Amino acid sequence: LPSTAEAFLRMIEKEYKIPVDVGVLNNEVFINIAAAG
């Protein structure tokens, strides 16, 4: 994803959205990682 304001605005204006997976760990939700150790 873009990190500058101008590029981010251009992305917003396209209104392109995608469905993504999430993880459910016991009663919690994570979007990227569950880790231990």
PDB file of all heavy atoms in Angstrom:
ATOM      1  N   LEU A   1       0.830  -1.203   0.000  1.00  0.00           N
ATOM      2  CA  LEU A   1       0.000   0.000   0.000  1.00  0.00           C
ATOM      3  C   LEU A   1       0.864   1.253   0.000  1.00  0.00           C
ATOM      4  O   LEU A   1       1.954   1.272   0.576  1.00  0.00           O
ATOM      5  CB  LEU A   1      -0.914   0.000   1.230  1.00  0.00           C
ATOM      6  CG  LEU A   1      -1.906  -1.162   1.339  1.00  0.00           C
ATOM      7  CD1 LEU A   1      -2.756  -1.017   2.591  1.00  0.00           C
ATOM      8  CD2 LEU A   1      -2.802  -1.231   0.101  1.00  0.00           C
ATOM      9  N   PRO A   2       0.387   2.322  -0.611  1.00  0.00           N
ATOM     10  CA  PRO A   2       1.164   3.574  -0.658  1.00  0.00           C
ATOM     11  C   PRO A   2       1.279   4.200   0.723  1.00  0.00           C
ATOM     12  O   PRO A   2       0.385   4.064   1.562  1.00  0.00           O
ATOM     13  CB  PRO A   2       0.351   4.454  -1.605  1.00  0.00           C
ATOM     14  CG  PRO A   2      -1.035   3.897  -1.580  1.00  0.00           C
ATOM     15  CD  PRO A   2      -0.884   2.433  -1.370  1.00  0.00           C
ATOM     16  N   SER A   3       2.385   4.907   0.928  1.00  0.00           N
ATOM     17  CA  SER A   3       2.622   5.542   2.225  1.00  0.00           C
ATOM     18  C   SER A   3       2.622   7.064   2.140  1.00  0.00           C
ATOM     19  O   SER A   3       2.746   7.733   3.165  1.00  0.00           O
ATOM     20  CB  SER A   3       3.951   5.060   2.809  1.00  0.00           C
ATOM     21  OG  SER A   3       5.017   5.320   1.923  1.00  0.00           O
ATOM     22  N   THR A   4       2.487   7.630   0.937  1.00  0.00           N
ATOM     23  CA  THR A   4       2.404   9.089   0.808  1.00  0.00           C
ATOM     24  C   THR A   4       0.943   9.499   0.662  1.00  0.00           C
ATOM     25  O   THR A   4       0.115   8.730   0.159  1.00  0.00           O
ATOM     26  CB  THR A   4       3.192   9.594  -0.401  1.00  0.00           C
ATOM     27  OG1 THR A   4       2.579   9.106  -1.607  1.00  0.00           O
ATOM     28  CG2 THR A   4       4.642   9.122  -0.329  1.00  0.00           C
ATOM     29  N   ALA A   5       0.638  10.715   1.066  1.00  0.00           N
ATOM     30  CA  ALA A   5      -0.744  11.197   1.037  1.00  0.00           C
ATOM     31  C   ALA A   5      -1.308  11.216  -0.379  1.00  0.00           C
ATOM     32  O   ALA A   5      -2.449  10.800  -0.612  1.00  0.00           O
ATOM     33  CB  ALA A   5      -0.823  12.588   1.669  1.00  0.00           C
ATOM     34  N   GLU A   6      -0.520  11.685  -1.335  1.00  0.00           N
ATOM     35  CA  GLU A   6      -1.011  11.800  -2.711  1.00  0.00           C
ATOM     36  C   GLU A   6      -1.328  10.430  -3.312  1.00  0.00           C
ATOM     37  O   GLU A   6      -2.380  10.233  -3.942  1.00  0.00           O
ATOM     38  CB  GLU A   6       0.022  12.521  -3.590  1.00  0.00           C
ATOM     39  CG  GLU A   6       0.219  13.987  -3.252  1.00  0.00           C
ATOM     40  CD  GLU A   6       1.185  14.200  -2.104  1.00  0.00           C
ATOM     41  OE1 GLU A   6       1.695  13.188  -1.547  1.00  0.00           O
ATOM     42  OE2 GLU A   6       1.430  15.363  -1.743  1.00  0.00           O
ATOM     43  N   ALA A   7      -0.430   9.488  -3.128  1.00  0.00           N
ATOM     44  CA  ALA A   7      -0.645   8.149  -3.682  1.00  0.00           C
ATOM     45  C   ALA A   7      -1.800   7.445  -2.985  1.00  0.00           C
ATOM     46  O   ALA A   7      -2.578   6.716  -3.609  1.00  0.00           O
ATOM     47  CB  ALA A   7       0.632   7.322  -3.561  1.00  0.00           C
ATOM     48  N   PHE A   8      -1.934   7.676  -1.701  1.00  0.00           N
ATOM     49  CA  PHE A   8      -3.024   7.056  -0.945  1.00  0.00           C
ATOM     50  C   PHE A   8      -4.375   7.595  -1.415  1.00  0.00           C
ATOM     51  O   PHE A   8      -5.343   6.840  -1.569  1.00  0.00           O
ATOM     52  CB  PHE A   8      -2.834   7.324   0.553  1.00  0.00           C
ATOM     53  CG  PHE A   8      -3.735   6.512   1.443  1.00  0.00           C
ATOM     54  CD1 PHE A   8      -3.397   5.217   1.792  1.00  0.00           C
ATOM     55  CD2 PHE A   8      -4.915   7.048   1.933  1.00  0.00           C
ATOM     56  CE1 PHE A   8      -4.218   4.461   2.618  1.00  0.00           C
ATOM     57  CE2 PHE A   8      -5.738   6.306   2.760  1.00  0.00           C
ATOM     58  CZ  PHE A   8      -5.394   5.012   3.102  1.00  0.00           C
ATOM     59  N   LEU A   9      -4.443   8.898  -1.666  1.00  0.00           N
ATOM     60  CA  LEU A   9      -5.679   9.493  -2.178  1.00  0.00           C
ATOM     61  C   LEU A   9      -6.057   8.883  -3.526  1.00  0.00           C
ATOM     62  O   LEU A   9      -7.229   8.565  -3.764  1.00  0.00           O
ATOM     63  CB  LEU A   9      -5.520  11.005  -2.311  1.00  0.00           C
ATOM     64  CG  LEU A   9      -6.707  11.732  -2.948  1.00  0.00           C
ATOM     65  CD1 LEU A   9      -7.951  11.604  -2.083  1.00  0.00           C
ATOM     66  CD2 LEU A   9      -6.369  13.196  -3.202  1.00  0.00           C
ATOM     67  N   ARG A  10      -5.081   8.713  -4.400  1.00  0.00           N
ATOM     68  CA  ARG A  10      -5.367   8.105  -5.705  1.00  0.00           C
ATOM     69  C   ARG A  10      -5.932   6.692  -5.534  1.00  0.00           C
ATOM     70  O   ARG A  10      -6.848   6.287  -6.267  1.00  0.00           O
ATOM     71  CB  ARG A  10      -4.095   8.080  -6.569  1.00  0.00           C
ATOM     72  CG  ARG A  10      -3.667   9.449  -7.066  1.00  0.00           C
ATOM     73  CD  ARG A  10      -2.640   9.328  -8.182  1.00  0.00           C
ATOM     74  NE  ARG A  10      -1.401   8.718  -7.723  1.00  0.00           N
ATOM     75  CZ  ARG A  10      -0.370   9.409  -7.235  1.00  0.00           C
ATOM     76  NH1 ARG A  10      -0.438  10.729  -7.131  1.00  0.00           N
ATOM     77  NH2 ARG A  10       0.725   8.776  -6.863  1.00  0.00           N
ATOM     78  N   MET A  11      -5.412   5.946  -4.569  1.00  0.00           N
ATOM     79  CA  MET A  11      -5.923   4.603  -4.309  1.00  0.00           C
ATOM     80  C   MET A  11      -7.368   4.659  -3.807  1.00  0.00           C
ATOM     81  O   MET A  11      -8.230   3.885  -4.252  1.00  0.00           O
ATOM     82  CB  MET A  11      -5.039   3.889  -3.286  1.00  0.00           C
ATOM     83  CG  MET A  11      -5.489   2.467  -2.982  1.00  0.00           C
ATOM     84  SD  MET A  11      -4.504   1.669  -1.685  1.00  0.00           S
ATOM     85  CE  MET A  11      -5.117   2.541  -0.215  1.00  0.00           C
ATOM     86  N   ILE A  12      -7.646   5.565  -2.901  1.00  0.00           N
ATOM     87  CA  ILE A  12      -9.003   5.714  -2.350  1.00  0.00           C
ATOM     88  C   ILE A  12     -10.004   6.008  -3.462  1.00  0.00           C
ATOM     89  O   ILE A  12     -11.107   5.451  -3.508  1.00  0.00           O
ATOM     90  CB  ILE A  12      -9.040   6.838  -1.294  1.00  0.00           C
ATOM     91  CG1 ILE A  12      -8.247   6.450  -0.061  1.00  0.00           C
ATOM     92  CG2 ILE A  12     -10.488   7.179  -0.912  1.00  0.00           C
ATOM     93  CD1 ILE A  12      -8.800   5.285   0.706  1.00  0.00           C
ATOM     94  N   GLU A  13      -9.629   6.872  -4.382  1.00  0.00           N
ATOM     95  CA  GLU A  13     -10.549   7.301  -5.431  1.00  0.00           C
ATOM     96  C   GLU A  13     -10.906   6.173  -6.396  1.00  0.00           C
ATOM     97  O   GLU A  13     -11.964   6.205  -7.027  1.00  0.00           O
ATOM     98  CB  GLU A  13      -9.956   8.494  -6.181  1.00  0.00           C
ATOM     99  CG  GLU A  13      -9.893   9.757  -5.332  1.00  0.00           C
ATOM    100  CD  GLU A  13      -9.406  10.963  -6.113  1.00  0.00           C
ATOM    101  OE1 GLU A  13      -8.362  10.854  -6.786  1.00  0.00           O
ATOM    102  OE2 GLU A  13     -10.070  12.016  -6.049  1.00  0.00           O
ATOM    103  N   LYS A  14     -10.051   5.176  -6.514  1.00  0.00           N
ATOM    104  CA  LYS A  14     -10.359   4.030  -7.382  1.00  0.00           C
ATOM    105  C   LYS A  14     -11.453   3.137  -6.789  1.00  0.00           C
ATOM    106  O   LYS A  14     -12.108   2.382  -7.515  1.00  0.00           O
ATOM    107  CB  LYS A  14      -9.095   3.197  -7.616  1.00  0.00           C
ATOM    108  CG  LYS A  14      -8.023   3.920  -8.409  1.00  0.00           C
ATOM    109  CD  LYS A  14      -6.761   3.053  -8.494  1.00  0.00           C
ATOM    110  CE  LYS A  14      -5.628   3.779  -9.171  1.00  0.00           C
ATOM    111  NZ  LYS A  14      -4.369   2.981  -9.163  1.00  0.00           N
ATOM    112  N   GLU A  15     -11.608   3.176  -5.458  1.00  0.00           N
ATOM    113  CA  GLU A  15     -12.629   2.400  -4.747  1.00  0.00           C
ATOM    114  C   GLU A  15     -12.536   0.900  -5.052  1.00  0.00           C
ATOM    115  O   GLU A  15     -13.541   0.203  -5.174  1.00  0.00           O
ATOM    116  CB  GLU A  15     -14.034   2.923  -5.066  1.00  0.00           C
ATOM    117  CG  GLU A  15     -14.243   4.362  -4.650  1.00  0.00           C
ATOM    118  CD  GLU A  15     -15.677   4.814  -4.811  1.00  0.00           C
ATOM    119  OE1 GLU A  15     -16.528   4.002  -5.216  1.00  0.00           O
ATOM    120  OE2 GLU A  15     -15.953   6.002  -4.527  1.00  0.00           O
ATOM    121  N   TYR A  16     -11.314   0.422  -5.156  1.00  0.00           N
ATOM    122  CA  TYR A  16     -11.096  -1.007  -5.435  1.00  0.00           C
ATOM    123  C   TYR A  16     -10.931  -1.733  -4.105  1.00  0.00           C
ATOM    124  O   TYR A  16      -9.936  -1.532  -3.387  1.00  0.00           O
ATOM    125  CB  TYR A  16      -9.849  -1.178  -6.299  1.00  0.00           C
ATOM    126  CG  TYR A  16      -9.488  -2.611  -6.591  1.00  0.00           C
ATOM    127  CD1 TYR A  16     -10.315  -3.421  -7.362  1.00  0.00           C
ATOM    128  CD2 TYR A  16      -8.295  -3.152  -6.099  1.00  0.00           C
ATOM    129  CE1 TYR A  16      -9.968  -4.739  -7.632  1.00  0.00           C
ATOM    130  CE2 TYR A  16      -7.946  -4.464  -6.369  1.00  0.00           C
ATOM    131  CZ  TYR A  16      -8.793  -5.251  -7.134  1.00  0.00           C
ATOM    132  OH  TYR A  16      -8.457  -6.556  -7.398  1.00  0.00           O
ATOM    133  N   LYS A  17     -11.897  -2.562  -3.753  1.00  0.00           N
ATOM    134  CA  LYS A  17     -11.821  -3.272  -2.481  1.00  0.00           C
ATOM    135  C   LYS A  17     -11.795  -4.776  -2.711  1.00  0.00           C
ATOM    136  O   LYS A  17     -12.399  -5.285  -3.656  1.00  0.00           O
ATOM    137  CB  LYS A  17     -12.989  -2.899  -1.560  1.00  0.00           C
ATOM    138  CG  LYS A  17     -14.369  -3.361  -2.003  1.00  0.00           C
ATOM    139  CD  LYS A  17     -15.421  -2.954  -0.978  1.00  0.00           C
ATOM    140  CE  LYS A  17     -16.804  -3.494  -1.353  1.00  0.00           C
ATOM    141  NZ  LYS A  17     -17.834  -3.128  -0.353  1.00  0.00           N
ATOM    142  N   ILE A  18     -11.065  -5.459  -1.827  1.00  0.00           N
ATOM    143  CA  ILE A  18     -10.926  -6.907  -1.950  1.00  0.00           C
ATOM    144  C   ILE A  18     -11.318  -7.584  -0.639  1.00  0.00           C
ATOM    145  O   ILE A  18     -11.082  -7.037   0.440  1.00  0.00           O
ATOM    146  CB  ILE A  18      -9.481  -7.303  -2.325  1.00  0.00           C
ATOM    147  CG1 ILE A  18      -8.486  -6.829  -1.257  1.00  0.00           C
ATOM    148  CG2 ILE A  18      -9.114  -6.758  -3.693  1.00  0.00           C
ATOM    149  CD1 ILE A  18      -7.072  -7.336  -1.459  1.00  0.00           C
ATOM    150  N   PRO A  19     -11.927  -8.777  -0.727  1.00  0.00           N
ATOM    151  CA  PRO A  19     -12.194  -9.540   0.498  1.00  0.00           C
ATOM    152  C   PRO A  19     -10.927 -10.242   0.950  1.00  0.00           C
ATOM    153  O   PRO A  19     -10.181 -10.790   0.135  1.00  0.00           O
ATOM    154  CB  PRO A  19     -13.253 -10.547   0.050  1.00  0.00           C
ATOM    155  CG  PRO A  19     -12.981 -10.751  -1.403  1.00  0.00           C
ATOM    156  CD  PRO A  19     -12.435  -9.442  -1.929  1.00  0.00           C
ATOM    157  N   VAL A  20     -10.640 -10.206   2.242  1.00  0.00           N
ATOM    158  CA  VAL A  20      -9.441 -10.864   2.763  1.00  0.00           C
ATOM    159  C   VAL A  20      -9.808 -11.762   3.940  1.00  0.00           C
ATOM    160  O   VAL A  20     -10.809 -11.552   4.634  1.00  0.00           O
ATOM    161  CB  VAL A  20      -8.363  -9.838   3.200  1.00  0.00           C
ATOM    162  CG1 VAL A  20      -7.950  -8.969   2.027  1.00  0.00           C
ATOM    163  CG2 VAL A  20      -8.849  -8.983   4.357  1.00  0.00           C
ATOM    164  N   ASP A  21      -8.979 -12.777   4.144  1.00  0.00           N
ATOM    165  CA  ASP A  21      -9.184 -13.716   5.239  1.00  0.00           C
ATOM    166  C   ASP A  21      -8.789 -13.090   6.573  1.00  0.00           C
ATOM    167  O   ASP A  21      -7.916 -12.217   6.634  1.00  0.00           O
ATOM    168  CB  ASP A  21      -8.333 -14.978   5.039  1.00  0.00           C
ATOM    169  CG  ASP A  21      -8.585 -15.659   3.706  1.00  0.00           C
ATOM    170  OD1 ASP A  21      -9.696 -15.492   3.164  1.00  0.00           O
ATOM    171  OD2 ASP A  21      -7.678 -16.360   3.222  1.00  0.00           O
ATOM    172  N   VAL A  22      -9.413 -13.566   7.645  1.00  0.00           N
ATOM    173  CA  VAL A  22      -8.959 -13.247   8.993  1.00  0.00           C
ATOM    174  C   VAL A  22      -8.843 -14.551   9.771  1.00  0.00           C
ATOM    175  O   VAL A  22      -9.431 -15.574   9.406  1.00  0.00           O
ATOM    176  CB  VAL A  22      -9.900 -12.269   9.732  1.00  0.00           C
ATOM    177  CG1 VAL A  22     -10.029 -10.962   8.984  1.00  0.00           C
ATOM    178  CG2 VAL A  22     -11.262 -12.896   9.984  1.00  0.00           C
ATOM    179  N   GLY A  23      -8.089 -14.497  10.851  1.00  0.00           N
ATOM    180  CA  GLY A  23      -7.966 -15.645  11.737  1.00  0.00           C
ATOM    181  C   GLY A  23      -8.745 -15.412  13.015  1.00  0.00           C
ATOM    182  O   GLY A  23      -8.815 -14.289  13.517  1.00  0.00           O
ATOM    183  N   VAL A  24      -9.326 -16.478  13.536  1.00  0.00           N
ATOM    184  CA  VAL A  24      -9.995 -16.425  14.838  1.00  0.00           C
ATOM    185  C   VAL A  24      -9.245 -17.362  15.779  1.00  0.00           C
ATOM    186  O   VAL A  24      -9.155 -18.571  15.528  1.00  0.00           O
ATOM    187  CB  VAL A  24     -11.477 -16.838  14.736  1.00  0.00           C
ATOM    188  CG1 VAL A  24     -12.122 -16.809  16.111  1.00  0.00           C
ATOM    189  CG2 VAL A  24     -12.227 -15.916  13.784  1.00  0.00           C
ATOM    190  N   LEU A  25      -8.667 -16.796  16.824  1.00  0.00           N
ATOM    191  CA  LEU A  25      -7.869 -17.530  17.797  1.00  0.00           C
ATOM    192  C   LEU A  25      -8.591 -17.500  19.128  1.00  0.00           C
ATOM    193  O   LEU A  25      -8.697 -16.445  19.746  1.00  0.00           O
ATOM    194  CB  LEU A  25      -6.480 -16.907  17.899  1.00  0.00           C
ATOM    195  CG  LEU A  25      -5.458 -17.547  18.832  1.00  0.00           C
ATOM    196  CD1 LEU A  25      -4.039 -17.290  18.350  1.00  0.00           C
ATOM    197  CD2 LEU A  25      -5.597 -17.041  20.271  1.00  0.00           C
ATOM    198  N   ASN A  26      -9.101 -18.658  19.555  1.00  0.00           N
ATOM    199  CA  ASN A  26      -9.970 -18.707  20.727  1.00  0.00           C
ATOM    200  C   ASN A  26     -11.088 -17.677  20.533  1.00  0.00           C
ATOM    201  O   ASN A  26     -11.893 -17.821  19.639  1.00  0.00           O
ATOM    202  CB  ASN A  26      -9.174 -18.510  22.013  1.00  0.00           C
ATOM    203  CG  ASN A  26      -8.141 -19.623  22.235  1.00  0.00           C
ATOM    204  OD1 ASN A  26      -8.235 -20.704  21.649  1.00  0.00           O
ATOM    205  ND2 ASN A  26      -7.150 -19.363  23.069  1.00  0.00           N
ATOM    206  N   ASN A  27     -11.087 -16.587  21.280  1.00  0.00           N
ATOM    207  CA  ASN A  27     -12.126 -15.577  21.090  1.00  0.00           C
ATOM    208  C   ASN A  27     -11.572 -14.281  20.490  1.00  0.00           C
ATOM    209  O   ASN A  27     -12.269 -13.255  20.472  1.00  0.00           O
ATOM    210  CB  ASN A  27     -12.805 -15.258  22.431  1.00  0.00           C
ATOM    211  CG  ASN A  27     -13.596 -16.434  22.952  1.00  0.00           C
ATOM    212  OD1 ASN A  27     -14.284 -17.119  22.199  1.00  0.00           O
ATOM    213  ND2 ASN A  27     -13.488 -16.695  24.250  1.00  0.00           N
ATOM    214  N   GLU A  28     -10.343 -14.316  20.002  1.00  0.00           N
ATOM    215  CA  GLU A  28      -9.719 -13.130  19.438  1.00  0.00           C
ATOM    216  C   GLU A  28      -9.617 -13.237  17.916  1.00  0.00           C
ATOM    217  O   GLU A  28      -9.662 -14.322  17.346  1.00  0.00           O
ATOM    218  CB  GLU A  28      -8.327 -12.929  20.040  1.00  0.00           C
ATOM    219  CG  GLU A  28      -8.324 -12.652  21.534  1.00  0.00           C
ATOM    220  CD  GLU A  28      -9.034 -11.360  21.893  1.00  0.00           C
ATOM    221  OE1 GLU A  28      -8.998 -10.414  21.085  1.00  0.00           O
ATOM    222  OE2 GLU A  28      -9.622 -11.297  22.988  1.00  0.00           O
ATOM    223  N   VAL A  29      -9.448 -12.081  17.281  1.00  0.00           N
ATOM    224  CA  VAL A  29      -9.331 -12.010  15.824  1.00  0.00           C
ATOM    225  C   VAL A  29      -7.950 -11.473  15.473  1.00  0.00           C
ATOM    226  O   VAL A  29      -7.431 -10.573  16.133  1.00  0.00           O
ATOM    227  CB  VAL A  29     -10.425 -11.082  15.236  1.00  0.00           C
ATOM    228  CG1 VAL A  29     -10.162 -10.788  13.766  1.00  0.00           C
ATOM    229  CG2 VAL A  29     -11.799 -11.704  15.415  1.00  0.00           C
ATOM    230  N   PHE A  30      -7.331 -12.051  14.425  1.00  0.00           N
ATOM    231  CA  PHE A  30      -6.095 -11.467  13.923  1.00  0.00           C
ATOM    232  C   PHE A  30      -6.160 -11.408  12.404  1.00  0.00           C
ATOM    233  O   PHE A  30      -6.839 -12.206  11.757  1.00  0.00           O
ATOM    234  CB  PHE A  30      -4.852 -12.229  14.403  1.00  0.00           C
ATOM    235  CG  PHE A  30      -4.715 -13.635  13.883  1.00  0.00           C
ATOM    236  CD1 PHE A  30      -3.987 -13.916  12.738  1.00  0.00           C
ATOM    237  CD2 PHE A  30      -5.292 -14.701  14.559  1.00  0.00           C
ATOM    238  CE1 PHE A  30      -3.838 -15.211  12.273  1.00  0.00           C
ATOM    239  CE2 PHE A  30      -5.155 -16.013  14.111  1.00  0.00           C
ATOM    240  CZ  PHE A  30      -4.431 -16.270  12.958  1.00  0.00           C
ATOM    241  N   ILE A  31      -5.441 -10.455  11.850  1.00  0.00           N
ATOM    242  CA  ILE A  31      -5.460 -10.263  10.410  1.00  0.00           C
ATOM    243  C   ILE A  31      -4.132 -10.640   9.767  1.00  0.00           C
ATOM    244  O   ILE A  31      -4.063 -10.930   8.580  1.00  0.00           O
ATOM    245  CB  ILE A  31      -5.825  -8.797  10.062  1.00  0.00           C
ATOM    246  CG1 ILE A  31      -6.159  -8.662   8.572  1.00  0.00           C
ATOM    247  CG2 ILE A  31      -4.729  -7.835  10.468  1.00  0.00           C
ATOM    248  CD1 ILE A  31      -6.758  -7.316   8.210  1.00  0.00           C
ATOM    249  N   ASN A  32      -3.055 -10.685  10.568  1.00  0.00           N
ATOM    250  CA  ASN A  32      -1.733 -10.934   9.991  1.00  0.00           C
ATOM    251  C   ASN A  32      -1.048 -12.163  10.573  1.00  0.00           C
ATOM    252  O   ASN A  32      -0.608 -13.026   9.822  1.00  0.00           O
ATOM    253  CB  ASN A  32      -0.823  -9.714  10.178  1.00  0.00           C
ATOM    254  CG  ASN A  32       0.368  -9.731   9.248  1.00  0.00           C
ATOM    255  OD1 ASN A  32       0.220  -9.676   8.032  1.00  0.00           O
ATOM    256  ND2 ASN A  32       1.563  -9.854   9.813  1.00  0.00           N
ATOM    257  N   ILE A  33      -0.934 -12.263  11.898  1.00  0.00           N
ATOM    258  CA  ILE A  33      -0.137 -13.338  12.473  1.00  0.00           C
ATOM    259  C   ILE A  33      -0.532 -13.645  13.910  1.00  0.00           C
ATOM    260  O   ILE A  33      -0.915 -12.738  14.669  1.00  0.00           O
ATOM    261  CB  ILE A  33       1.374 -12.998  12.435  1.00  0.00           C
ATOM    262  CG1 ILE A  33       2.217 -14.173  12.954  1.00  0.00           C
ATOM    263  CG2 ILE A  33       1.669 -11.705  13.179  1.00  0.00           C
ATOM    264  CD1 ILE A  33       3.708 -14.015  12.756  1.00  0.00           C
ATOM    265  N   ALA A  34      -0.429 -14.922  14.257  1.00  0.00           N
ATOM    266  CA  ALA A  34      -0.439 -15.378  15.645  1.00  0.00           C
ATOM    267  C   ALA A  34       0.865 -16.128  15.848  1.00  0.00           C
ATOM    268  O   ALA A  34       1.217 -16.999  15.047  1.00  0.00           O
ATOM    269  CB  ALA A  34      -1.633 -16.276  15.919  1.00  0.00           C
ATOM    270  N   ALA A  35       1.610 -15.791  16.901  1.00  0.00           N
ATOM    271  CA  ALA A  35       2.932 -16.386  17.075  1.00  0.00           C
ATOM    272  C   ALA A  35       3.264 -16.512  18.553  1.00  0.00           C
ATOM    273  O   ALA A  35       2.737 -15.784  19.396  1.00  0.00           O
ATOM    274  CB  ALA A  35       3.995 -15.540  16.369  1.00  0.00           C
ATOM    275  N   ALA A  36       4.175 -17.434  18.853  1.00  0.00           N
ATOM    276  CA  ALA A  36       4.639 -17.609  20.223  1.00  0.00           C
ATOM    277  C   ALA A  36       6.030 -18.224  20.207  1.00  0.00           C
ATOM    278  O   ALA A  36       6.400 -18.934  19.265  1.00  0.00           O
ATOM    279  CB  ALA A  36       3.677 -18.488  21.019  1.00  0.00           C
ATOM    280  N   GLY A  37       6.790 -17.946  21.261  1.00  0.00           N
ATOM    281  CA  GLY A  37       8.137 -18.479  21.368  1.00  0.00           C
ATOM    282  C   GLY A  37       9.177 -17.379  21.348  1.00  0.00           C
ATOM    283  O   GLY A  37       8.863 -16.195  21.561  1.00  0.00           O
TER     284      GLY A  37
END
